[in-house]
């Protein structure tokens, strides 16, 4: 949720989010992609 809000509300870069949350940039990108896919499925459902 923090990643999603930081990216899509505060418009932080994946690099900034990764640094703040102690994660890799690729992990942030993958998590955001999967989260967007889940959201899309929820809207369709």
ModelCIF file with pLDDT and N, C-alpha, C, O atoms, coordinates in Angstrom:
data_MODEL
#
_entry.id   MODEL 
#
_entity.id                         1 
_entity.type                       polymer 
_entity.pdbx_number_of_molecules   1 
#
_entity_poly.entity_id                      1 
_entity_poly.type                           'polypeptide(L)' 
_entity_poly.nstd_linkage                   no 
_entity_poly.nstd_monomer                   no 
_entity_poly.pdbx_seq_one_letter_code       
;(UNK)(UNK)(UNK)(UNK)(UNK)(UNK)(UNK)(UNK)(UNK)(UNK)(UNK)(UNK)(UNK)(UNK)(UNK)(UNK)
(UNK)(UNK)(UNK)(UNK)(UNK)(UNK)(UNK)(UNK)(UNK)(UNK)(UNK)(UNK)(UNK)(UNK)(UNK)(UNK)
(UNK)(UNK)(UNK)(UNK)(UNK)(UNK)(UNK)(UNK)(UNK)(UNK)(UNK)(UNK)(UNK)
;
_entity_poly.pdbx_seq_one_letter_code_can   XXXXXXXXXXXXXXXXXXXXXXXXXXXXXXXXXXXXXXXXXXXXX 
_entity_poly.pdbx_strand_id                 A 
#
loop_
_entity_poly_seq.entity_id 
_entity_poly_seq.num 
_entity_poly_seq.mon_id 
_entity_poly_seq.hetero 
1 1  UNK n 
1 2  UNK n 
1 3  UNK n 
1 4  UNK n 
1 5  UNK n 
1 6  UNK n 
1 7  UNK n 
1 8  UNK n 
1 9  UNK n 
1 10 UNK n 
1 11 UNK n 
1 12 UNK n 
1 13 UNK n 
1 14 UNK n 
1 15 UNK n 
1 16 UNK n 
1 17 UNK n 
1 18 UNK n 
1 19 UNK n 
1 20 UNK n 
1 21 UNK n 
1 22 UNK n 
1 23 UNK n 
1 24 UNK n 
1 25 UNK n 
1 26 UNK n 
1 27 UNK n 
1 28 UNK n 
1 29 UNK n 
1 30 UNK n 
1 31 UNK n 
1 32 UNK n 
1 33 UNK n 
1 34 UNK n 
1 35 UNK n 
1 36 UNK n 
1 37 UNK n 
1 38 UNK n 
1 39 UNK n 
1 40 UNK n 
1 41 UNK n 
1 42 UNK n 
1 43 UNK n 
1 44 UNK n 
1 45 UNK n 
#
_struct_asym.id          A 
_struct_asym.entity_id   1 
#
loop_
_ma_qa_metric.id 
_ma_qa_metric.mode 
_ma_qa_metric.name 
_ma_qa_metric.software_group_id 
_ma_qa_metric.type 
1 global pLDDT . pLDDT 
2 local  pLDDT . pLDDT 
#
_ma_qa_metric_global.metric_id      1 
_ma_qa_metric_global.metric_value   91.33 
_ma_qa_metric_global.model_id       1 
_ma_qa_metric_global.ordinal_id     1 
#
loop_
_ma_qa_metric_local.label_asym_id 
_ma_qa_metric_local.label_comp_id 
_ma_qa_metric_local.label_seq_id 
_ma_qa_metric_local.metric_id 
_ma_qa_metric_local.metric_value 
_ma_qa_metric_local.model_id 
_ma_qa_metric_local.ordinal_id 
A UNK 1  2 94.00 1 1  
A UNK 2  2 93.00 1 2  
A UNK 3  2 94.00 1 3  
A UNK 4  2 93.00 1 4  
A UNK 5  2 90.00 1 5  
A UNK 6  2 89.00 1 6  
A UNK 7  2 90.00 1 7  
A UNK 8  2 87.00 1 8  
A UNK 9  2 85.00 1 9  
A UNK 10 2 84.00 1 10 
A UNK 11 2 85.00 1 11 
A UNK 12 2 87.00 1 12 
A UNK 13 2 88.00 1 13 
A UNK 14 2 91.00 1 14 
A UNK 15 2 92.00 1 15 
A UNK 16 2 91.00 1 16 
A UNK 17 2 93.00 1 17 
A UNK 18 2 94.00 1 18 
A UNK 19 2 94.00 1 19 
A UNK 20 2 91.00 1 20 
A UNK 21 2 93.00 1 21 
A UNK 22 2 93.00 1 22 
A UNK 23 2 93.00 1 23 
A UNK 24 2 95.00 1 24 
A UNK 25 2 93.00 1 25 
A UNK 26 2 94.00 1 26 
A UNK 27 2 95.00 1 27 
A UNK 28 2 94.00 1 28 
A UNK 29 2 94.00 1 29 
A UNK 30 2 95.00 1 30 
A UNK 31 2 95.00 1 31 
A UNK 32 2 94.00 1 32 
A UNK 33 2 94.00 1 33 
A UNK 34 2 95.00 1 34 
A UNK 35 2 94.00 1 35 
A UNK 36 2 92.00 1 36 
A UNK 37 2 92.00 1 37 
A UNK 38 2 93.00 1 38 
A UNK 39 2 91.00 1 39 
A UNK 40 2 89.00 1 40 
A UNK 41 2 90.00 1 41 
A UNK 42 2 89.00 1 42 
A UNK 43 2 85.00 1 43 
A UNK 44 2 86.00 1 44 
A UNK 45 2 87.00 1 45 
#
loop_
_atom_site.group_PDB 
_atom_site.id 
_atom_site.type_symbol 
_atom_site.label_atom_id 
_atom_site.label_alt_id 
_atom_site.label_comp_id 
_atom_site.label_asym_id 
_atom_site.label_entity_id 
_atom_site.label_seq_id 
_atom_site.pdbx_PDB_ins_code 
_atom_site.Cartn_x 
_atom_site.Cartn_y 
_atom_site.Cartn_z 
_atom_site.occupancy 
_atom_site.B_iso_or_equiv 
_atom_site.pdbx_formal_charge 
_atom_site.auth_seq_id 
_atom_site.auth_comp_id 
_atom_site.auth_asym_id 
_atom_site.auth_atom_id 
_atom_site.pdbx_PDB_model_num 
ATOM 1   N N  . UNK A 1 1  ? 0.837   -1.199 0.000   1.00 94.00 ? 1  UNK A N  1 
ATOM 2   C CA . UNK A 1 1  ? 0.000   0.000  0.000   1.00 94.00 ? 1  UNK A CA 1 
ATOM 3   C C  . UNK A 1 1  ? 0.880   1.261  0.000   1.00 94.00 ? 1  UNK A C  1 
ATOM 4   O O  . UNK A 1 1  ? 0.593   2.224  -0.712  1.00 94.00 ? 1  UNK A O  1 
ATOM 5   N N  . UNK A 1 2  ? 1.947   1.245  0.800   1.00 93.00 ? 2  UNK A N  1 
ATOM 6   C CA . UNK A 1 2  ? 2.862   2.397  0.822   1.00 93.00 ? 2  UNK A CA 1 
ATOM 7   C C  . UNK A 1 2  ? 3.482   2.624  -0.551  1.00 93.00 ? 2  UNK A C  1 
ATOM 8   O O  . UNK A 1 2  ? 3.571   3.758  -1.022  1.00 93.00 ? 2  UNK A O  1 
ATOM 9   N N  . UNK A 1 3  ? 3.908   1.541  -1.187  1.00 94.00 ? 3  UNK A N  1 
ATOM 10  C CA . UNK A 1 3  ? 4.496   1.658  -2.529  1.00 94.00 ? 3  UNK A CA 1 
ATOM 11  C C  . UNK A 1 3  ? 3.482   2.257  -3.505  1.00 94.00 ? 3  UNK A C  1 
ATOM 12  O O  . UNK A 1 3  ? 3.800   3.180  -4.255  1.00 94.00 ? 3  UNK A O  1 
ATOM 13  N N  . UNK A 1 4  ? 2.272   1.725  -3.485  1.00 93.00 ? 4  UNK A N  1 
ATOM 14  C CA . UNK A 1 4  ? 1.235   2.166  -4.415  1.00 93.00 ? 4  UNK A CA 1 
ATOM 15  C C  . UNK A 1 4  ? 0.911   3.645  -4.198  1.00 93.00 ? 4  UNK A C  1 
ATOM 16  O O  . UNK A 1 4  ? 0.836   4.406  -5.163  1.00 93.00 ? 4  UNK A O  1 
ATOM 17  N N  . UNK A 1 5  ? 0.723   4.047  -2.978  1.00 90.00 ? 5  UNK A N  1 
ATOM 18  C CA . UNK A 1 5  ? 0.383   5.445  -2.671  1.00 90.00 ? 5  UNK A CA 1 
ATOM 19  C C  . UNK A 1 5  ? 1.547   6.368  -2.986  1.00 90.00 ? 5  UNK A C  1 
ATOM 20  O O  . UNK A 1 5  ? 1.352   7.449  -3.541  1.00 90.00 ? 5  UNK A O  1 
ATOM 21  N N  . UNK A 1 6  ? 2.763   5.946  -2.633  1.00 89.00 ? 6  UNK A N  1 
ATOM 22  C CA . UNK A 1 6  ? 3.931   6.779  -2.942  1.00 89.00 ? 6  UNK A CA 1 
ATOM 23  C C  . UNK A 1 6  ? 4.058   6.983  -4.449  1.00 89.00 ? 6  UNK A C  1 
ATOM 24  O O  . UNK A 1 6  ? 4.379   8.080  -4.904  1.00 89.00 ? 6  UNK A O  1 
ATOM 25  N N  . UNK A 1 7  ? 3.810   5.937  -5.214  1.00 90.00 ? 7  UNK A N  1 
ATOM 26  C CA . UNK A 1 7  ? 3.962   6.034  -6.666  1.00 90.00 ? 7  UNK A CA 1 
ATOM 27  C C  . UNK A 1 7  ? 2.832   6.829  -7.305  1.00 90.00 ? 7  UNK A C  1 
ATOM 28  O O  . UNK A 1 7  ? 3.088   7.719  -8.117  1.00 90.00 ? 7  UNK A O  1 
ATOM 29  N N  . UNK A 1 8  ? 1.597   6.527  -6.954  1.00 87.00 ? 8  UNK A N  1 
ATOM 30  C CA . UNK A 1 8  ? 0.469   7.074  -7.698  1.00 87.00 ? 8  UNK A CA 1 
ATOM 31  C C  . UNK A 1 8  ? -0.201  8.260  -7.039  1.00 87.00 ? 8  UNK A C  1 
ATOM 32  O O  . UNK A 1 8  ? -1.033  8.911  -7.671  1.00 87.00 ? 8  UNK A O  1 
ATOM 33  N N  . UNK A 1 9  ? 0.123   8.563  -5.814  1.00 85.00 ? 9  UNK A N  1 
ATOM 34  C CA . UNK A 1 9  ? -0.400  9.789  -5.197  1.00 85.00 ? 9  UNK A CA 1 
ATOM 35  C C  . UNK A 1 9  ? 0.704   10.830 -5.126  1.00 85.00 ? 9  UNK A C  1 
ATOM 36  O O  . UNK A 1 9  ? 0.518   11.964 -5.565  1.00 85.00 ? 9  UNK A O  1 
ATOM 37  N N  . UNK A 1 10 ? 1.867   10.450 -4.568  1.00 84.00 ? 10 UNK A N  1 
ATOM 38  C CA . UNK A 1 10 ? 2.972   11.386 -4.404  1.00 84.00 ? 10 UNK A CA 1 
ATOM 39  C C  . UNK A 1 10 ? 3.896   11.424 -5.606  1.00 84.00 ? 10 UNK A C  1 
ATOM 40  O O  . UNK A 1 10 ? 4.784   12.272 -5.682  1.00 84.00 ? 10 UNK A O  1 
ATOM 41  N N  . UNK A 1 11 ? 3.693   10.510 -6.548  1.00 85.00 ? 11 UNK A N  1 
ATOM 42  C CA . UNK A 1 11 ? 4.445   10.458 -7.793  1.00 85.00 ? 11 UNK A CA 1 
ATOM 43  C C  . UNK A 1 11 ? 5.950   10.282 -7.576  1.00 85.00 ? 11 UNK A C  1 
ATOM 44  O O  . UNK A 1 11 ? 6.768   10.863 -8.289  1.00 85.00 ? 11 UNK A O  1 
ATOM 45  N N  . UNK A 1 12 ? 6.290   9.478  -6.586  1.00 87.00 ? 12 UNK A N  1 
ATOM 46  C CA . UNK A 1 12 ? 7.689   9.157  -6.321  1.00 87.00 ? 12 UNK A CA 1 
ATOM 47  C C  . UNK A 1 12 ? 8.188   8.158  -7.354  1.00 87.00 ? 12 UNK A C  1 
ATOM 48  O O  . UNK A 1 12 ? 7.413   7.360  -7.882  1.00 87.00 ? 12 UNK A O  1 
ATOM 49  N N  . UNK A 1 13 ? 9.471   8.206  -7.636  1.00 88.00 ? 13 UNK A N  1 
ATOM 50  C CA . UNK A 1 13 ? 10.053  7.242  -8.567  1.00 88.00 ? 13 UNK A CA 1 
ATOM 51  C C  . UNK A 1 13 ? 10.238  5.909  -7.851  1.00 88.00 ? 13 UNK A C  1 
ATOM 52  O O  . UNK A 1 13 ? 10.261  5.850  -6.621  1.00 88.00 ? 13 UNK A O  1 
ATOM 53  N N  . UNK A 1 14 ? 10.368  4.846  -8.632  1.00 91.00 ? 14 UNK A N  1 
ATOM 54  C CA . UNK A 1 14 ? 10.599  3.518  -8.053  1.00 91.00 ? 14 UNK A CA 1 
ATOM 55  C C  . UNK A 1 14 ? 11.901  3.512  -7.263  1.00 91.00 ? 14 UNK A C  1 
ATOM 56  O O  . UNK A 1 14 ? 12.007  2.842  -6.236  1.00 91.00 ? 14 UNK A O  1 
ATOM 57  N N  . UNK A 1 15 ? 12.879  4.249  -7.737  1.00 92.00 ? 15 UNK A N  1 
ATOM 58  C CA . UNK A 1 15 ? 14.168  4.332  -7.056  1.00 92.00 ? 15 UNK A CA 1 
ATOM 59  C C  . UNK A 1 15 ? 14.011  4.970  -5.669  1.00 92.00 ? 15 UNK A C  1 
ATOM 60  O O  . UNK A 1 15 ? 14.583  4.484  -4.694  1.00 92.00 ? 15 UNK A O  1 
ATOM 61  N N  . UNK A 1 16 ? 13.237  6.056  -5.584  1.00 91.00 ? 16 UNK A N  1 
ATOM 62  C CA . UNK A 1 16 ? 13.007  6.725  -4.294  1.00 91.00 ? 16 UNK A CA 1 
ATOM 63  C C  . UNK A 1 16 ? 12.236  5.815  -3.340  1.00 91.00 ? 16 UNK A C  1 
ATOM 64  O O  . UNK A 1 16 ? 12.554  5.733  -2.154  1.00 91.00 ? 16 UNK A O  1 
ATOM 65  N N  . UNK A 1 17 ? 11.230  5.139  -3.862  1.00 93.00 ? 17 UNK A N  1 
ATOM 66  C CA . UNK A 1 17 ? 10.429  4.239  -3.029  1.00 93.00 ? 17 UNK A CA 1 
ATOM 67  C C  . UNK A 1 17 ? 11.306  3.110  -2.500  1.00 93.00 ? 17 UNK A C  1 
ATOM 68  O O  . UNK A 1 17 ? 11.246  2.770  -1.319  1.00 93.00 ? 17 UNK A O  1 
ATOM 69  N N  . UNK A 1 18 ? 12.116  2.536  -3.373  1.00 94.00 ? 18 UNK A N  1 
ATOM 70  C CA . UNK A 1 18 ? 13.004  1.445  -2.975  1.00 94.00 ? 18 UNK A CA 1 
ATOM 71  C C  . UNK A 1 18 ? 13.950  1.893  -1.871  1.00 94.00 ? 18 UNK A C  1 
ATOM 72  O O  . UNK A 1 18 ? 14.141  1.178  -0.887  1.00 94.00 ? 18 UNK A O  1 
ATOM 73  N N  . UNK A 1 19 ? 14.539  3.064  -2.027  1.00 94.00 ? 19 UNK A N  1 
ATOM 74  C CA . UNK A 1 19 ? 15.474  3.572  -1.013  1.00 94.00 ? 19 UNK A CA 1 
ATOM 75  C C  . UNK A 1 19 ? 14.771  3.793  0.324   1.00 94.00 ? 19 UNK A C  1 
ATOM 76  O O  . UNK A 1 19 ? 15.318  3.458  1.374   1.00 94.00 ? 19 UNK A O  1 
ATOM 77  N N  . UNK A 1 20 ? 13.572  4.349  0.292   1.00 91.00 ? 20 UNK A N  1 
ATOM 78  C CA . UNK A 1 20 ? 12.840  4.634  1.531   1.00 91.00 ? 20 UNK A CA 1 
ATOM 79  C C  . UNK A 1 20 ? 12.348  3.374  2.228   1.00 91.00 ? 20 UNK A C  1 
ATOM 80  O O  . UNK A 1 20 ? 12.266  3.338  3.456   1.00 91.00 ? 20 UNK A O  1 
ATOM 81  N N  . UNK A 1 21 ? 12.020  2.341  1.457   1.00 93.00 ? 21 UNK A N  1 
ATOM 82  C CA . UNK A 1 21 ? 11.454  1.130  2.047   1.00 93.00 ? 21 UNK A CA 1 
ATOM 83  C C  . UNK A 1 21 ? 12.472  0.006  2.196   1.00 93.00 ? 21 UNK A C  1 
ATOM 84  O O  . UNK A 1 21 ? 12.128  -1.090 2.638   1.00 93.00 ? 21 UNK A O  1 
ATOM 85  N N  . UNK A 1 22 ? 13.721  0.271  1.830   1.00 93.00 ? 22 UNK A N  1 
ATOM 86  C CA . UNK A 1 22 ? 14.758  -0.744 1.963   1.00 93.00 ? 22 UNK A CA 1 
ATOM 87  C C  . UNK A 1 22 ? 14.529  -1.937 1.051   1.00 93.00 ? 22 UNK A C  1 
ATOM 88  O O  . UNK A 1 22 ? 14.708  -3.083 1.462   1.00 93.00 ? 22 UNK A O  1 
ATOM 89  N N  . UNK A 1 23 ? 14.136  -1.669 -0.180  1.00 93.00 ? 23 UNK A N  1 
ATOM 90  C CA . UNK A 1 23 ? 13.857  -2.727 -1.158  1.00 93.00 ? 23 UNK A CA 1 
ATOM 91  C C  . UNK A 1 23 ? 14.640  -2.428 -2.433  1.00 93.00 ? 23 UNK A C  1 
ATOM 92  O O  . UNK A 1 23 ? 15.185  -1.337 -2.597  1.00 93.00 ? 23 UNK A O  1 
ATOM 93  N N  . UNK A 1 24 ? 14.689  -3.407 -3.329  1.00 95.00 ? 24 UNK A N  1 
ATOM 94  C CA . UNK A 1 24 ? 15.343  -3.154 -4.611  1.00 95.00 ? 24 UNK A CA 1 
ATOM 95  C C  . UNK A 1 24 ? 14.358  -2.453 -5.539  1.00 95.00 ? 24 UNK A C  1 
ATOM 96  O O  . UNK A 1 24 ? 13.143  -2.585 -5.391  1.00 95.00 ? 24 UNK A O  1 
ATOM 97  N N  . UNK A 1 25 ? 14.892  -1.720 -6.480  1.00 93.00 ? 25 UNK A N  1 
ATOM 98  C CA . UNK A 1 25 ? 14.052  -1.015 -7.450  1.00 93.00 ? 25 UNK A CA 1 
ATOM 99  C C  . UNK A 1 25 ? 13.241  -1.998 -8.281  1.00 93.00 ? 25 UNK A C  1 
ATOM 100 O O  . UNK A 1 25 ? 12.076  -1.740 -8.586  1.00 93.00 ? 25 UNK A O  1 
ATOM 101 N N  . UNK A 1 26 ? 13.845  -3.124 -8.649  1.00 94.00 ? 26 UNK A N  1 
ATOM 102 C CA . UNK A 1 26 ? 13.118  -4.117 -9.452  1.00 94.00 ? 26 UNK A CA 1 
ATOM 103 C C  . UNK A 1 26 ? 11.975  -4.724 -8.642  1.00 94.00 ? 26 UNK A C  1 
ATOM 104 O O  . UNK A 1 26 ? 10.913  -5.006 -9.196  1.00 94.00 ? 26 UNK A O  1 
ATOM 105 N N  . UNK A 1 27 ? 12.176  -4.932 -7.339  1.00 95.00 ? 27 UNK A N  1 
ATOM 106 C CA . UNK A 1 27 ? 11.106  -5.462 -6.495  1.00 95.00 ? 27 UNK A CA 1 
ATOM 107 C C  . UNK A 1 27 ? 9.946   -4.473 -6.428  1.00 95.00 ? 27 UNK A C  1 
ATOM 108 O O  . UNK A 1 27 ? 8.785   -4.881 -6.461  1.00 95.00 ? 27 UNK A O  1 
ATOM 109 N N  . UNK A 1 28 ? 10.244  -3.186 -6.334  1.00 94.00 ? 28 UNK A N  1 
ATOM 110 C CA . UNK A 1 28 ? 9.203   -2.163 -6.315  1.00 94.00 ? 28 UNK A CA 1 
ATOM 111 C C  . UNK A 1 28 ? 8.439   -2.183 -7.633  1.00 94.00 ? 28 UNK A C  1 
ATOM 112 O O  . UNK A 1 28 ? 7.208   -2.162 -7.632  1.00 94.00 ? 28 UNK A O  1 
ATOM 113 N N  . UNK A 1 29 ? 9.149   -2.224 -8.752  1.00 94.00 ? 29 UNK A N  1 
ATOM 114 C CA . UNK A 1 29 ? 8.490   -2.244 -10.068 1.00 94.00 ? 29 UNK A CA 1 
ATOM 115 C C  . UNK A 1 29 ? 7.597   -3.469 -10.247 1.00 94.00 ? 29 UNK A C  1 
ATOM 116 O O  . UNK A 1 29 ? 6.480   -3.353 -10.751 1.00 94.00 ? 29 UNK A O  1 
ATOM 117 N N  . UNK A 1 30 ? 8.078   -4.631 -9.843  1.00 95.00 ? 30 UNK A N  1 
ATOM 118 C CA . UNK A 1 30 ? 7.290   -5.858 -9.963  1.00 95.00 ? 30 UNK A CA 1 
ATOM 119 C C  . UNK A 1 30 ? 6.062   -5.787 -9.059  1.00 95.00 ? 30 UNK A C  1 
ATOM 120 O O  . UNK A 1 30 ? 4.963   -6.159 -9.471  1.00 95.00 ? 30 UNK A O  1 
ATOM 121 N N  . UNK A 1 31 ? 6.245   -5.311 -7.834  1.00 95.00 ? 31 UNK A N  1 
ATOM 122 C CA . UNK A 1 31 ? 5.123   -5.194 -6.893  1.00 95.00 ? 31 UNK A CA 1 
ATOM 123 C C  . UNK A 1 31 ? 4.076   -4.239 -7.431  1.00 95.00 ? 31 UNK A C  1 
ATOM 124 O O  . UNK A 1 31 ? 2.882   -4.529 -7.359  1.00 95.00 ? 31 UNK A O  1 
ATOM 125 N N  . UNK A 1 32 ? 4.500   -3.109 -7.966  1.00 94.00 ? 32 UNK A N  1 
ATOM 126 C CA . UNK A 1 32 ? 3.552   -2.145 -8.518  1.00 94.00 ? 32 UNK A CA 1 
ATOM 127 C C  . UNK A 1 32 ? 2.814   -2.726 -9.727  1.00 94.00 ? 32 UNK A C  1 
ATOM 128 O O  . UNK A 1 32 ? 1.609   -2.521 -9.872  1.00 94.00 ? 32 UNK A O  1 
ATOM 129 N N  . UNK A 1 33 ? 3.518   -3.441 -10.583 1.00 94.00 ? 33 UNK A N  1 
ATOM 130 C CA . UNK A 1 33 ? 2.878   -4.076 -11.743 1.00 94.00 ? 33 UNK A CA 1 
ATOM 131 C C  . UNK A 1 33 ? 1.814   -5.065 -11.287 1.00 94.00 ? 33 UNK A C  1 
ATOM 132 O O  . UNK A 1 33 ? 0.684   -5.038 -11.773 1.00 94.00 ? 33 UNK A O  1 
ATOM 133 N N  . UNK A 1 34 ? 2.175   -5.930 -10.359 1.00 95.00 ? 34 UNK A N  1 
ATOM 134 C CA . UNK A 1 34 ? 1.223   -6.934 -9.868  1.00 95.00 ? 34 UNK A CA 1 
ATOM 135 C C  . UNK A 1 34 ? 0.037   -6.281 -9.164  1.00 95.00 ? 34 UNK A C  1 
ATOM 136 O O  . UNK A 1 34 ? -1.096  -6.750 -9.274  1.00 95.00 ? 34 UNK A O  1 
ATOM 137 N N  . UNK A 1 35 ? 0.300   -5.214 -8.454  1.00 94.00 ? 35 UNK A N  1 
ATOM 138 C CA . UNK A 1 35 ? -0.771  -4.508 -7.748  1.00 94.00 ? 35 UNK A CA 1 
ATOM 139 C C  . UNK A 1 35 ? -1.732  -3.868 -8.738  1.00 94.00 ? 35 UNK A C  1 
ATOM 140 O O  . UNK A 1 35 ? -2.947  -3.915 -8.541  1.00 94.00 ? 35 UNK A O  1 
ATOM 141 N N  . UNK A 1 36 ? -1.202  -3.273 -9.797  1.00 92.00 ? 36 UNK A N  1 
ATOM 142 C CA . UNK A 1 36 ? -2.074  -2.700 -10.838 1.00 92.00 ? 36 UNK A CA 1 
ATOM 143 C C  . UNK A 1 36 ? -2.929  -3.785 -11.487 1.00 92.00 ? 36 UNK A C  1 
ATOM 144 O O  . UNK A 1 36 ? -4.107  -3.565 -11.767 1.00 92.00 ? 36 UNK A O  1 
ATOM 145 N N  . UNK A 1 37 ? -2.339  -4.949 -11.725 1.00 92.00 ? 37 UNK A N  1 
ATOM 146 C CA . UNK A 1 37 ? -3.090  -6.056 -12.323 1.00 92.00 ? 37 UNK A CA 1 
ATOM 147 C C  . UNK A 1 37 ? -4.217  -6.508 -11.390 1.00 92.00 ? 37 UNK A C  1 
ATOM 148 O O  . UNK A 1 37 ? -5.328  -6.773 -11.849 1.00 92.00 ? 37 UNK A O  1 
ATOM 149 N N  . UNK A 1 38 ? -3.941  -6.596 -10.093 1.00 93.00 ? 38 UNK A N  1 
ATOM 150 C CA . UNK A 1 38 ? -4.973  -6.973 -9.119  1.00 93.00 ? 38 UNK A CA 1 
ATOM 151 C C  . UNK A 1 38 ? -6.089  -5.938 -9.087  1.00 93.00 ? 38 UNK A C  1 
ATOM 152 O O  . UNK A 1 38 ? -7.266  -6.289 -9.003  1.00 93.00 ? 38 UNK A O  1 
ATOM 153 N N  . UNK A 1 39 ? -5.719  -4.667 -9.153  1.00 91.00 ? 39 UNK A N  1 
ATOM 154 C CA . UNK A 1 39 ? -6.721  -3.604 -9.143  1.00 91.00 ? 39 UNK A CA 1 
ATOM 155 C C  . UNK A 1 39 ? -7.596  -3.694 -10.395 1.00 91.00 ? 39 UNK A C  1 
ATOM 156 O O  . UNK A 1 39 ? -8.816  -3.545 -10.326 1.00 91.00 ? 39 UNK A O  1 
ATOM 157 N N  . UNK A 1 40 ? -6.965  -3.934 -11.516 1.00 89.00 ? 40 UNK A N  1 
ATOM 158 C CA . UNK A 1 40 ? -7.711  -4.068 -12.770 1.00 89.00 ? 40 UNK A CA 1 
ATOM 159 C C  . UNK A 1 40 ? -8.725  -5.211 -12.663 1.00 89.00 ? 40 UNK A C  1 
ATOM 160 O O  . UNK A 1 40 ? -9.880  -5.062 -13.062 1.00 89.00 ? 40 UNK A O  1 
ATOM 161 N N  . UNK A 1 41 ? -8.286  -6.347 -12.125 1.00 90.00 ? 41 UNK A N  1 
ATOM 162 C CA . UNK A 1 41 ? -9.186  -7.494 -11.967 1.00 90.00 ? 41 UNK A CA 1 
ATOM 163 C C  . UNK A 1 41 ? -10.317 -7.181 -10.999 1.00 90.00 ? 41 UNK A C  1 
ATOM 164 O O  . UNK A 1 41 ? -11.449 -7.620 -11.201 1.00 90.00 ? 41 UNK A O  1 
ATOM 165 N N  . UNK A 1 42 ? -10.016 -6.424 -9.952  1.00 89.00 ? 42 UNK A N  1 
ATOM 166 C CA . UNK A 1 42 ? -11.052 -6.076 -8.981  1.00 89.00 ? 42 UNK A CA 1 
ATOM 167 C C  . UNK A 1 42 ? -12.118 -5.191 -9.628  1.00 89.00 ? 42 UNK A C  1 
ATOM 168 O O  . UNK A 1 42 ? -13.311 -5.400 -9.410  1.00 89.00 ? 42 UNK A O  1 
ATOM 169 N N  . UNK A 1 43 ? -11.695 -4.203 -10.420 1.00 85.00 ? 43 UNK A N  1 
ATOM 170 C CA . UNK A 1 43 ? -12.664 -3.364 -11.124 1.00 85.00 ? 43 UNK A CA 1 
ATOM 171 C C  . UNK A 1 43 ? -13.504 -4.192 -12.095 1.00 85.00 ? 43 UNK A C  1 
ATOM 172 O O  . UNK A 1 43 ? -14.720 -4.014 -12.175 1.00 85.00 ? 43 UNK A O  1 
ATOM 173 N N  . UNK A 1 44 ? -12.860 -5.092 -12.829 1.00 86.00 ? 44 UNK A N  1 
ATOM 174 C CA . UNK A 1 44 ? -13.598 -5.934 -13.774 1.00 86.00 ? 44 UNK A CA 1 
ATOM 175 C C  . UNK A 1 44 ? -14.588 -6.825 -13.036 1.00 86.00 ? 44 UNK A C  1 
ATOM 176 O O  . UNK A 1 44 ? -15.718 -7.009 -13.491 1.00 86.00 ? 44 UNK A O  1 
ATOM 177 N N  . UNK A 1 45 ? -14.171 -7.380 -11.898 1.00 87.00 ? 45 UNK A N  1 
ATOM 178 C CA . UNK A 1 45 ? -15.053 -8.236 -11.093 1.00 87.00 ? 45 UNK A CA 1 
ATOM 179 C C  . UNK A 1 45 ? -16.271 -7.453 -10.597 1.00 87.00 ? 45 UNK A C  1 
ATOM 180 O O  . UNK A 1 45 ? -17.123 -8.011 -9.904  1.00 87.00 ? 45 UNK A O  1 
#
